[in-house]
Amino acid sequence: MRVAMLAETLVSRGHTVTWWSSTFDHFTKTQLFPADADIDLGARYRLRVLRGLSYRRNVSLRRYIDHARIARKFRRRSRCEEPPNVIVASMPDYHLAFEAAQYAREAGVPFIVDVRDQWPDTYLDLIPERLRGAARLVLCRDFDKLRSLLHSADSVVAIVDQLLEWALEYAQREKRP
């Protein structure tokens, strides 16, 4: 729960945090809330959850649709908010991270992407090698989104060097402090 730890640290230092997330718990595969909701976790700490689909398998069409749905909801709701001072988005979900990057650009605020997994490459790993070219073609818009969000980020971070190198290669940028 790196996001929760970061949020709690920021709040303890006097910052205001709005954490956008899904109502779906990826680990237990259950919906935590029946609908979109805003939950105040403290005086300067708000959780905004968006309802998508449930899914049983981590790599599945339903998860893909869930992520796209959450990203669309974020795009609509976030534009009604006062812009933050900075946006930190975790990836996956690259659909939501892409929308966060777009919002950051529109609002003129710094954008940080925290890379946690190699999506959408993970989809390709499950497809027989002879079909990967066709799959990459089907997912070409997704790969374009990935490149765009990683390239436009003010900072790309990852807890594992291998993930950071993967992300920097997509972003066509060098590692820097």
N, C-alpha and C. Protein backbone atom coordinates (compact mmCIF):
# COMPACT_ATOMS: atom_id res chain seq x y z
N MET A 1 0.83 -1.19 0.00
CA MET A 1 0.00 0.00 0.00
C MET A 1 0.87 1.25 0.00
N ARG A 2 1.76 1.33 -1.00
CA ARG A 2 2.65 2.50 -1.08
C ARG A 2 1.88 3.80 -1.21
N VAL A 3 0.77 3.78 -1.92
CA VAL A 3 -0.01 4.99 -2.10
C VAL A 3 -0.55 5.46 -0.75
N ALA A 4 -1.06 4.55 0.05
CA ALA A 4 -1.59 4.91 1.37
C ALA A 4 -0.48 5.47 2.25
N MET A 5 0.69 4.86 2.21
CA MET A 5 1.81 5.36 3.03
C MET A 5 2.22 6.76 2.58
N LEU A 6 2.29 6.99 1.27
CA LEU A 6 2.63 8.31 0.76
C LEU A 6 1.57 9.32 1.17
N ALA A 7 0.30 8.96 1.00
CA ALA A 7 -0.79 9.87 1.36
C ALA A 7 -0.75 10.22 2.84
N GLU A 8 -0.58 9.23 3.68
CA GLU A 8 -0.55 9.48 5.13
C GLU A 8 0.64 10.35 5.52
N THR A 9 1.77 10.13 4.89
CA THR A 9 2.95 10.96 5.17
C THR A 9 2.70 12.40 4.75
N LEU A 10 2.12 12.60 3.57
CA LEU A 10 1.83 13.95 3.10
C LEU A 10 0.85 14.66 4.02
N VAL A 11 -0.20 13.96 4.43
CA VAL A 11 -1.20 14.55 5.32
C VAL A 11 -0.55 14.91 6.66
N SER A 12 0.32 14.02 7.18
CA SER A 12 0.97 14.29 8.47
C SER A 12 1.88 15.52 8.40
N ARG A 13 2.29 15.89 7.18
CA ARG A 13 3.14 17.06 7.00
C ARG A 13 2.35 18.31 6.58
N GLY A 14 1.03 18.22 6.70
CA GLY A 14 0.19 19.38 6.47
C GLY A 14 -0.38 19.53 5.08
N HIS A 15 -0.16 18.57 4.19
CA HIS A 15 -0.69 18.65 2.83
C HIS A 15 -2.10 18.08 2.78
N THR A 16 -2.83 18.46 1.76
CA THR A 16 -4.15 17.91 1.49
C THR A 16 -4.00 16.87 0.39
N VAL A 17 -4.62 15.70 0.58
CA VAL A 17 -4.50 14.60 -0.37
C VAL A 17 -5.89 14.15 -0.82
N THR A 18 -6.06 14.01 -2.12
CA THR A 18 -7.23 13.35 -2.69
C THR A 18 -6.71 12.13 -3.43
N TRP A 19 -7.15 10.98 -3.00
CA TRP A 19 -6.71 9.71 -3.58
C TRP A 19 -7.87 9.16 -4.40
N TRP A 20 -7.66 9.01 -5.70
CA TRP A 20 -8.66 8.43 -6.59
C TRP A 20 -8.35 6.95 -6.74
N SER A 21 -9.38 6.12 -6.65
CA SER A 21 -9.18 4.68 -6.76
C SER A 21 -10.46 4.02 -7.26
N SER A 22 -10.36 2.74 -7.47
CA SER A 22 -11.50 1.92 -7.87
C SER A 22 -12.20 1.40 -6.63
N THR A 23 -13.48 1.07 -6.77
CA THR A 23 -14.20 0.43 -5.68
C THR A 23 -13.84 -1.04 -5.57
N PHE A 24 -13.11 -1.56 -6.56
CA PHE A 24 -12.81 -2.98 -6.63
C PHE A 24 -11.48 -3.29 -5.96
N ASP A 25 -11.48 -4.27 -5.07
CA ASP A 25 -10.26 -4.73 -4.41
C ASP A 25 -9.64 -5.82 -5.28
N HIS A 26 -8.53 -5.48 -5.89
CA HIS A 26 -7.84 -6.37 -6.83
C HIS A 26 -7.39 -7.68 -6.17
N PHE A 27 -7.06 -7.64 -4.88
CA PHE A 27 -6.51 -8.82 -4.22
C PHE A 27 -7.59 -9.79 -3.77
N THR A 28 -8.71 -9.27 -3.24
CA THR A 28 -9.79 -10.16 -2.79
C THR A 28 -10.83 -10.39 -3.88
N LYS A 29 -10.73 -9.63 -4.96
CA LYS A 29 -11.66 -9.71 -6.09
C LYS A 29 -13.10 -9.42 -5.64
N THR A 30 -13.26 -8.40 -4.81
CA THR A 30 -14.58 -7.99 -4.34
C THR A 30 -14.74 -6.47 -4.50
N GLN A 31 -16.00 -6.05 -4.65
CA GLN A 31 -16.32 -4.63 -4.67
C GLN A 31 -16.40 -4.14 -3.23
N LEU A 32 -15.68 -3.09 -2.91
CA LEU A 32 -15.67 -2.56 -1.54
C LEU A 32 -16.83 -1.59 -1.30
N PHE A 33 -17.36 -1.00 -2.38
CA PHE A 33 -18.45 -0.05 -2.28
C PHE A 33 -19.45 -0.35 -3.40
N PRO A 34 -20.74 -0.12 -3.16
CA PRO A 34 -21.74 -0.44 -4.18
C PRO A 34 -21.81 0.58 -5.33
N ALA A 35 -21.21 1.76 -5.12
CA ALA A 35 -21.28 2.81 -6.14
C ALA A 35 -20.10 3.76 -5.95
N ASP A 36 -19.96 4.70 -6.88
CA ASP A 36 -18.96 5.76 -6.72
C ASP A 36 -19.19 6.42 -5.36
N ALA A 37 -18.11 6.81 -4.70
CA ALA A 37 -18.27 7.42 -3.37
C ALA A 37 -17.09 8.33 -3.07
N ASP A 38 -17.34 9.29 -2.19
CA ASP A 38 -16.30 10.16 -1.64
C ASP A 38 -16.26 9.88 -0.15
N ILE A 39 -15.09 9.50 0.35
CA ILE A 39 -14.92 9.14 1.75
C ILE A 39 -13.87 10.05 2.37
N ASP A 40 -14.25 10.77 3.41
CA ASP A 40 -13.30 11.59 4.14
C ASP A 40 -12.57 10.71 5.13
N LEU A 41 -11.25 10.61 4.98
CA LEU A 41 -10.42 9.80 5.86
C LEU A 41 -9.74 10.65 6.93
N GLY A 42 -9.92 11.94 6.84
CA GLY A 42 -9.32 12.88 7.79
C GLY A 42 -9.62 14.28 7.33
N ALA A 43 -9.13 15.24 8.09
CA ALA A 43 -9.41 16.65 7.79
C ALA A 43 -8.90 17.06 6.40
N ARG A 44 -7.78 16.52 5.98
CA ARG A 44 -7.19 16.89 4.68
C ARG A 44 -6.93 15.66 3.82
N TYR A 45 -7.75 14.64 4.00
CA TYR A 45 -7.50 13.36 3.33
C TYR A 45 -8.82 12.78 2.83
N ARG A 46 -8.99 12.77 1.51
CA ARG A 46 -10.23 12.29 0.91
C ARG A 46 -9.92 11.16 -0.07
N LEU A 47 -10.77 10.13 -0.03
CA LEU A 47 -10.71 9.02 -0.97
C LEU A 47 -11.91 9.13 -1.89
N ARG A 48 -11.65 9.17 -3.19
CA ARG A 48 -12.71 9.18 -4.19
C ARG A 48 -12.64 7.84 -4.92
N VAL A 49 -13.68 7.03 -4.76
CA VAL A 49 -13.69 5.72 -5.40
C VAL A 49 -14.69 5.71 -6.55
N LEU A 50 -14.29 5.05 -7.62
CA LEU A 50 -15.10 4.96 -8.83
C LEU A 50 -15.41 3.49 -9.09
N ARG A 51 -16.69 3.20 -9.33
CA ARG A 51 -17.10 1.81 -9.54
C ARG A 51 -16.90 1.41 -11.00
N GLY A 52 -16.26 0.28 -11.15
CA GLY A 52 -16.08 -0.32 -12.47
C GLY A 52 -16.69 -1.71 -12.46
N LEU A 53 -16.05 -2.62 -13.15
CA LEU A 53 -16.51 -4.01 -13.19
C LEU A 53 -15.75 -4.85 -12.18
N SER A 54 -16.30 -5.99 -11.88
CA SER A 54 -15.57 -7.02 -11.12
C SER A 54 -14.88 -7.91 -12.14
N TYR A 55 -13.78 -8.51 -11.73
CA TYR A 55 -13.11 -9.49 -12.59
C TYR A 55 -12.49 -10.55 -11.70
N ARG A 56 -12.33 -11.76 -12.25
CA ARG A 56 -11.79 -12.87 -11.47
C ARG A 56 -10.31 -13.11 -11.76
N ARG A 57 -9.91 -12.82 -13.01
CA ARG A 57 -8.53 -13.07 -13.40
C ARG A 57 -7.80 -11.74 -13.60
N ASN A 58 -6.54 -11.70 -13.17
CA ASN A 58 -5.76 -10.47 -13.25
C ASN A 58 -5.52 -10.01 -14.68
N VAL A 59 -5.37 -10.95 -15.58
CA VAL A 59 -5.20 -10.62 -16.99
C VAL A 59 -6.44 -11.15 -17.71
N SER A 60 -7.35 -10.23 -18.01
CA SER A 60 -8.61 -10.63 -18.63
C SER A 60 -9.24 -9.44 -19.35
N LEU A 61 -10.18 -9.75 -20.22
CA LEU A 61 -10.90 -8.71 -20.94
C LEU A 61 -11.72 -7.87 -19.96
N ARG A 62 -12.32 -8.50 -18.96
CA ARG A 62 -13.11 -7.74 -17.97
C ARG A 62 -12.24 -6.74 -17.22
N ARG A 63 -11.00 -7.11 -16.88
CA ARG A 63 -10.13 -6.17 -16.19
C ARG A 63 -9.79 -5.00 -17.13
N TYR A 64 -9.54 -5.31 -18.37
CA TYR A 64 -9.25 -4.28 -19.36
C TYR A 64 -10.42 -3.29 -19.46
N ILE A 65 -11.63 -3.82 -19.54
CA ILE A 65 -12.83 -2.97 -19.63
C ILE A 65 -13.02 -2.18 -18.34
N ASP A 66 -12.77 -2.81 -17.20
CA ASP A 66 -12.86 -2.14 -15.91
C ASP A 66 -11.94 -0.93 -15.88
N HIS A 67 -10.70 -1.12 -16.29
CA HIS A 67 -9.73 -0.02 -16.27
C HIS A 67 -10.15 1.11 -17.20
N ALA A 68 -10.65 0.78 -18.37
CA ALA A 68 -11.10 1.81 -19.31
C ALA A 68 -12.29 2.57 -18.74
N ARG A 69 -13.19 1.88 -18.07
CA ARG A 69 -14.37 2.52 -17.48
C ARG A 69 -13.96 3.47 -16.35
N ILE A 70 -13.07 3.03 -15.48
CA ILE A 70 -12.61 3.87 -14.38
C ILE A 70 -11.93 5.13 -14.94
N ALA A 71 -11.12 4.96 -15.98
CA ALA A 71 -10.42 6.10 -16.59
C ALA A 71 -11.41 7.12 -17.15
N ARG A 72 -12.47 6.65 -17.81
CA ARG A 72 -13.48 7.56 -18.35
C ARG A 72 -14.18 8.33 -17.23
N LYS A 73 -14.50 7.63 -16.16
CA LYS A 73 -15.15 8.30 -15.02
C LYS A 73 -14.21 9.34 -14.42
N PHE A 74 -12.94 9.00 -14.27
CA PHE A 74 -11.98 9.96 -13.74
C PHE A 74 -11.90 11.19 -14.64
N ARG A 75 -11.84 10.97 -15.94
CA ARG A 75 -11.74 12.09 -16.88
C ARG A 75 -12.91 13.06 -16.68
N ARG A 76 -14.13 12.55 -16.54
CA ARG A 76 -15.30 13.41 -16.35
C ARG A 76 -15.28 14.09 -14.98
N ARG A 77 -15.04 13.35 -13.92
CA ARG A 77 -15.15 13.91 -12.56
C ARG A 77 -13.98 14.81 -12.19
N SER A 78 -12.79 14.48 -12.65
CA SER A 78 -11.62 15.26 -12.24
C SER A 78 -11.67 16.69 -12.76
N ARG A 79 -12.29 16.90 -13.90
CA ARG A 79 -12.34 18.24 -14.48
C ARG A 79 -13.26 19.18 -13.69
N CYS A 80 -14.03 18.62 -12.78
CA CYS A 80 -14.91 19.42 -11.92
C CYS A 80 -14.21 19.81 -10.62
N GLU A 81 -12.98 19.35 -10.45
CA GLU A 81 -12.22 19.57 -9.22
C GLU A 81 -11.29 20.78 -9.37
N GLU A 82 -10.93 21.35 -8.25
CA GLU A 82 -9.87 22.35 -8.23
C GLU A 82 -8.56 21.60 -8.53
N PRO A 83 -7.74 22.09 -9.45
CA PRO A 83 -6.50 21.36 -9.77
C PRO A 83 -5.59 21.23 -8.54
N PRO A 84 -4.95 20.08 -8.41
CA PRO A 84 -4.02 19.88 -7.30
C PRO A 84 -2.67 20.54 -7.60
N ASN A 85 -1.75 20.47 -6.65
CA ASN A 85 -0.40 21.01 -6.85
C ASN A 85 0.50 20.01 -7.56
N VAL A 86 0.19 18.74 -7.46
CA VAL A 86 0.95 17.68 -8.11
C VAL A 86 0.03 16.46 -8.23
N ILE A 87 0.29 15.64 -9.25
CA ILE A 87 -0.45 14.39 -9.43
C ILE A 87 0.55 13.25 -9.46
N VAL A 88 0.28 12.23 -8.65
CA VAL A 88 1.06 10.99 -8.65
C VAL A 88 0.10 9.89 -9.08
N ALA A 89 0.43 9.19 -10.16
CA ALA A 89 -0.43 8.11 -10.66
C ALA A 89 0.36 6.82 -10.71
N SER A 90 -0.27 5.75 -10.24
CA SER A 90 0.35 4.43 -10.29
C SER A 90 -0.06 3.73 -11.57
N MET A 91 0.84 2.90 -12.07
CA MET A 91 0.59 2.16 -13.30
C MET A 91 1.04 0.73 -13.14
N PRO A 92 0.21 -0.34 -13.28
CA PRO A 92 -1.11 -0.16 -13.85
C PRO A 92 -2.02 0.55 -12.87
N ASP A 93 -2.90 1.11 -13.32
CA ASP A 93 -3.65 1.05 -14.55
C ASP A 93 -3.19 2.16 -15.49
N TYR A 94 -2.69 1.79 -16.64
CA TYR A 94 -2.18 2.80 -17.56
C TYR A 94 -3.29 3.63 -18.19
N HIS A 95 -4.52 3.12 -18.26
CA HIS A 95 -5.64 3.93 -18.76
C HIS A 95 -5.87 5.12 -17.82
N LEU A 96 -5.96 4.84 -16.52
CA LEU A 96 -6.17 5.89 -15.53
C LEU A 96 -4.95 6.81 -15.45
N ALA A 97 -3.77 6.25 -15.49
CA ALA A 97 -2.55 7.07 -15.44
C ALA A 97 -2.49 7.99 -16.65
N PHE A 98 -2.91 7.52 -17.81
CA PHE A 98 -2.94 8.36 -19.01
C PHE A 98 -3.89 9.54 -18.82
N GLU A 99 -5.07 9.27 -18.28
CA GLU A 99 -6.03 10.35 -18.03
C GLU A 99 -5.49 11.33 -17.00
N ALA A 100 -4.80 10.82 -15.98
CA ALA A 100 -4.19 11.70 -14.98
C ALA A 100 -3.12 12.57 -15.63
N ALA A 101 -2.35 12.00 -16.55
CA ALA A 101 -1.33 12.77 -17.26
C ALA A 101 -1.97 13.87 -18.11
N GLN A 102 -3.07 13.55 -18.76
CA GLN A 102 -3.79 14.54 -19.57
C GLN A 102 -4.29 15.68 -18.67
N TYR A 103 -4.87 15.32 -17.54
CA TYR A 103 -5.38 16.32 -16.60
C TYR A 103 -4.25 17.20 -16.08
N ALA A 104 -3.13 16.57 -15.74
CA ALA A 104 -1.97 17.34 -15.25
C ALA A 104 -1.51 18.34 -16.31
N ARG A 105 -1.46 17.91 -17.55
CA ARG A 105 -1.03 18.80 -18.63
C ARG A 105 -2.01 19.97 -18.78
N GLU A 106 -3.32 19.66 -18.77
CA GLU A 106 -4.34 20.71 -18.90
C GLU A 106 -4.26 21.71 -17.75
N ALA A 107 -4.02 21.19 -16.53
CA ALA A 107 -4.02 22.03 -15.33
C ALA A 107 -2.66 22.68 -15.08
N GLY A 108 -1.64 22.25 -15.83
CA GLY A 108 -0.31 22.81 -15.66
C GLY A 108 0.35 22.42 -14.35
N VAL A 109 0.09 21.20 -13.90
CA VAL A 109 0.69 20.73 -12.64
C VAL A 109 1.67 19.59 -12.92
N PRO A 110 2.69 19.45 -12.07
CA PRO A 110 3.65 18.36 -12.25
C PRO A 110 2.96 16.99 -12.16
N PHE A 111 3.48 16.05 -12.95
CA PHE A 111 2.91 14.70 -13.02
C PHE A 111 4.01 13.67 -12.79
N ILE A 112 3.78 12.78 -11.85
CA ILE A 112 4.71 11.68 -11.53
C ILE A 112 3.99 10.38 -11.78
N VAL A 113 4.63 9.47 -12.50
CA VAL A 113 4.05 8.14 -12.69
C VAL A 113 4.91 7.13 -11.94
N ASP A 114 4.24 6.29 -11.15
CA ASP A 114 4.87 5.23 -10.35
C ASP A 114 4.60 3.92 -11.07
N VAL A 115 5.62 3.35 -11.68
CA VAL A 115 5.47 2.13 -12.48
C VAL A 115 5.59 0.91 -11.57
N ARG A 116 4.55 0.08 -11.61
CA ARG A 116 4.50 -1.11 -10.75
C ARG A 116 4.43 -2.41 -11.54
N ASP A 117 4.10 -2.31 -12.82
CA ASP A 117 3.95 -3.51 -13.62
C ASP A 117 4.10 -3.14 -15.08
N GLN A 118 4.37 -4.13 -15.92
CA GLN A 118 4.65 -3.89 -17.33
C GLN A 118 3.41 -4.07 -18.21
N TRP A 119 2.37 -3.32 -17.86
CA TRP A 119 1.17 -3.34 -18.69
C TRP A 119 1.34 -2.33 -19.82
N PRO A 120 0.90 -2.60 -21.03
CA PRO A 120 0.17 -3.76 -21.53
C PRO A 120 1.06 -4.91 -22.01
N ASP A 121 2.36 -4.83 -21.82
CA ASP A 121 3.24 -5.94 -22.23
C ASP A 121 2.82 -7.26 -21.60
N THR A 122 2.26 -7.20 -20.40
CA THR A 122 1.84 -8.41 -19.71
C THR A 122 0.85 -9.20 -20.54
N TYR A 123 -0.04 -8.51 -21.27
CA TYR A 123 -0.98 -9.21 -22.14
C TYR A 123 -0.22 -10.01 -23.20
N LEU A 124 0.82 -9.42 -23.76
CA LEU A 124 1.58 -10.10 -24.82
C LEU A 124 2.27 -11.35 -24.31
N ASP A 125 2.70 -11.33 -23.06
CA ASP A 125 3.39 -12.48 -22.49
C ASP A 125 2.51 -13.72 -22.42
N LEU A 126 1.20 -13.54 -22.41
CA LEU A 126 0.27 -14.67 -22.30
C LEU A 126 -0.19 -15.21 -23.65
N ILE A 127 0.23 -14.56 -24.71
CA ILE A 127 -0.18 -14.94 -26.05
C ILE A 127 0.95 -15.72 -26.71
N PRO A 128 0.62 -16.79 -27.45
CA PRO A 128 1.68 -17.52 -28.15
C PRO A 128 2.52 -16.57 -29.00
N GLU A 129 3.82 -16.82 -29.03
CA GLU A 129 4.76 -15.90 -29.69
C GLU A 129 4.38 -15.58 -31.13
N ARG A 130 3.86 -16.57 -31.85
CA ARG A 130 3.51 -16.34 -33.26
C ARG A 130 2.34 -15.38 -33.44
N LEU A 131 1.55 -15.14 -32.37
CA LEU A 131 0.40 -14.24 -32.44
C LEU A 131 0.67 -12.86 -31.81
N ARG A 132 1.86 -12.67 -31.28
CA ARG A 132 2.16 -11.42 -30.57
C ARG A 132 2.15 -10.20 -31.48
N GLY A 133 2.58 -10.35 -32.70
CA GLY A 133 2.56 -9.23 -33.64
C GLY A 133 1.14 -8.74 -33.87
N ALA A 134 0.22 -9.70 -34.08
CA ALA A 134 -1.19 -9.34 -34.28
C ALA A 134 -1.77 -8.71 -33.01
N ALA A 135 -1.41 -9.26 -31.86
CA ALA A 135 -1.90 -8.72 -30.59
C ALA A 135 -1.36 -7.30 -30.38
N ARG A 136 -0.11 -7.08 -30.71
CA ARG A 136 0.47 -5.74 -30.58
C ARG A 136 -0.27 -4.75 -31.48
N LEU A 137 -0.68 -5.21 -32.66
CA LEU A 137 -1.43 -4.36 -33.58
C LEU A 137 -2.80 -4.02 -32.98
N VAL A 138 -3.47 -5.01 -32.39
CA VAL A 138 -4.77 -4.79 -31.75
C VAL A 138 -4.63 -3.79 -30.60
N LEU A 139 -3.53 -3.87 -29.87
CA LEU A 139 -3.30 -3.02 -28.70
C LEU A 139 -2.48 -1.76 -29.02
N CYS A 140 -2.36 -1.41 -30.30
CA CYS A 140 -1.48 -0.30 -30.67
C CYS A 140 -1.88 1.01 -29.99
N ARG A 141 -3.17 1.28 -29.82
CA ARG A 141 -3.59 2.51 -29.12
C ARG A 141 -3.16 2.49 -27.66
N ASP A 142 -3.16 1.29 -27.08
CA ASP A 142 -2.74 1.16 -25.68
C ASP A 142 -1.24 1.43 -25.55
N PHE A 143 -0.47 0.92 -26.46
CA PHE A 143 0.97 1.18 -26.44
C PHE A 143 1.26 2.67 -26.68
N ASP A 144 0.46 3.30 -27.54
CA ASP A 144 0.62 4.75 -27.76
C ASP A 144 0.31 5.52 -26.48
N LYS A 145 -0.75 5.11 -25.77
CA LYS A 145 -1.10 5.74 -24.48
C LYS A 145 0.05 5.59 -23.50
N LEU A 146 0.60 4.39 -23.43
CA LEU A 146 1.71 4.12 -22.51
C LEU A 146 2.89 5.03 -22.82
N ARG A 147 3.30 5.08 -24.08
CA ARG A 147 4.42 5.93 -24.47
C ARG A 147 4.15 7.39 -24.16
N SER A 148 2.95 7.84 -24.45
CA SER A 148 2.60 9.23 -24.22
C SER A 148 2.64 9.59 -22.74
N LEU A 149 2.05 8.76 -21.89
CA LEU A 149 2.02 9.10 -20.47
C LEU A 149 3.41 9.03 -19.85
N LEU A 150 4.23 8.07 -20.28
CA LEU A 150 5.59 7.97 -19.73
C LEU A 150 6.48 9.09 -20.25
N HIS A 151 6.29 9.46 -21.50
CA HIS A 151 7.10 10.53 -22.08
C HIS A 151 6.74 11.90 -21.50
N SER A 152 5.45 12.11 -21.24
CA SER A 152 5.01 13.42 -20.76
C SER A 152 5.18 13.62 -19.26
N ALA A 153 5.47 12.54 -18.53
CA ALA A 153 5.61 12.66 -17.07
C ALA A 153 6.81 13.53 -16.71
N ASP A 154 6.64 14.31 -15.67
CA ASP A 154 7.76 15.09 -15.15
C ASP A 154 8.76 14.18 -14.45
N SER A 155 8.25 13.07 -13.92
CA SER A 155 9.12 12.10 -13.26
C SER A 155 8.53 10.71 -13.41
N VAL A 156 9.40 9.74 -13.65
CA VAL A 156 9.01 8.33 -13.72
C VAL A 156 9.77 7.62 -12.61
N VAL A 157 9.03 6.95 -11.73
CA VAL A 157 9.65 6.25 -10.62
C VAL A 157 9.17 4.80 -10.60
N ALA A 158 9.98 3.94 -9.99
CA ALA A 158 9.61 2.54 -9.79
C ALA A 158 10.43 2.02 -8.62
N ILE A 159 9.90 1.05 -7.94
CA ILE A 159 10.60 0.49 -6.79
C ILE A 159 11.64 -0.55 -7.24
N VAL A 160 11.51 -1.03 -8.47
CA VAL A 160 12.41 -2.04 -9.02
C VAL A 160 13.11 -1.46 -10.25
N ASP A 161 14.43 -1.56 -10.30
CA ASP A 161 15.19 -1.00 -11.43
C ASP A 161 14.74 -1.53 -12.77
N GLN A 162 14.40 -2.83 -12.84
CA GLN A 162 13.97 -3.43 -14.10
C GLN A 162 12.71 -2.73 -14.63
N LEU A 163 11.77 -2.41 -13.75
CA LEU A 163 10.55 -1.71 -14.17
C LEU A 163 10.87 -0.29 -14.63
N LEU A 164 11.77 0.36 -13.92
CA LEU A 164 12.15 1.71 -14.31
C LEU A 164 12.82 1.72 -15.68
N GLU A 165 13.71 0.79 -15.92
CA GLU A 165 14.39 0.71 -17.22
C GLU A 165 13.38 0.44 -18.34
N TRP A 166 12.44 -0.46 -18.09
CA TRP A 166 11.38 -0.77 -19.06
C TRP A 166 10.60 0.50 -19.39
N ALA A 167 10.20 1.24 -18.36
CA ALA A 167 9.41 2.46 -18.55
C ALA A 167 10.20 3.53 -19.29
N LEU A 168 11.47 3.70 -18.92
CA LEU A 168 12.29 4.72 -19.57
C LEU A 168 12.52 4.39 -21.04
N GLU A 169 12.61 3.12 -21.36
CA GLU A 169 12.76 2.72 -22.76
C GLU A 169 11.51 3.11 -23.55
N TYR A 170 10.33 2.86 -23.00
CA TYR A 170 9.09 3.28 -23.66
C TYR A 170 9.02 4.79 -23.79
N ALA A 171 9.46 5.49 -22.75
CA ALA A 171 9.39 6.95 -22.74
C ALA A 171 10.45 7.59 -23.63
N GLN A 172 11.43 6.80 -24.04
CA GLN A 172 12.57 7.29 -24.82
C GLN A 172 13.24 8.44 -24.08
N ARG A 173 13.56 8.15 -22.81
CA ARG A 173 14.24 9.15 -22.00
C ARG A 173 15.29 8.46 -21.14
N GLU A 174 16.24 9.26 -20.69
CA GLU A 174 17.34 8.76 -19.88
C GLU A 174 16.99 8.81 -18.41
N LYS A 175 17.63 7.94 -17.65
CA LYS A 175 17.49 7.97 -16.19
C LYS A 175 18.20 9.21 -15.67
N ARG A 176 17.55 9.88 -14.73
CA ARG A 176 18.15 11.07 -14.12
C ARG A 176 17.71 11.17 -12.65
N PRO A 177 18.37 12.02 -11.92
CA PRO A 177 18.03 12.14 -10.48
C PRO A 177 16.58 12.60 -10.30
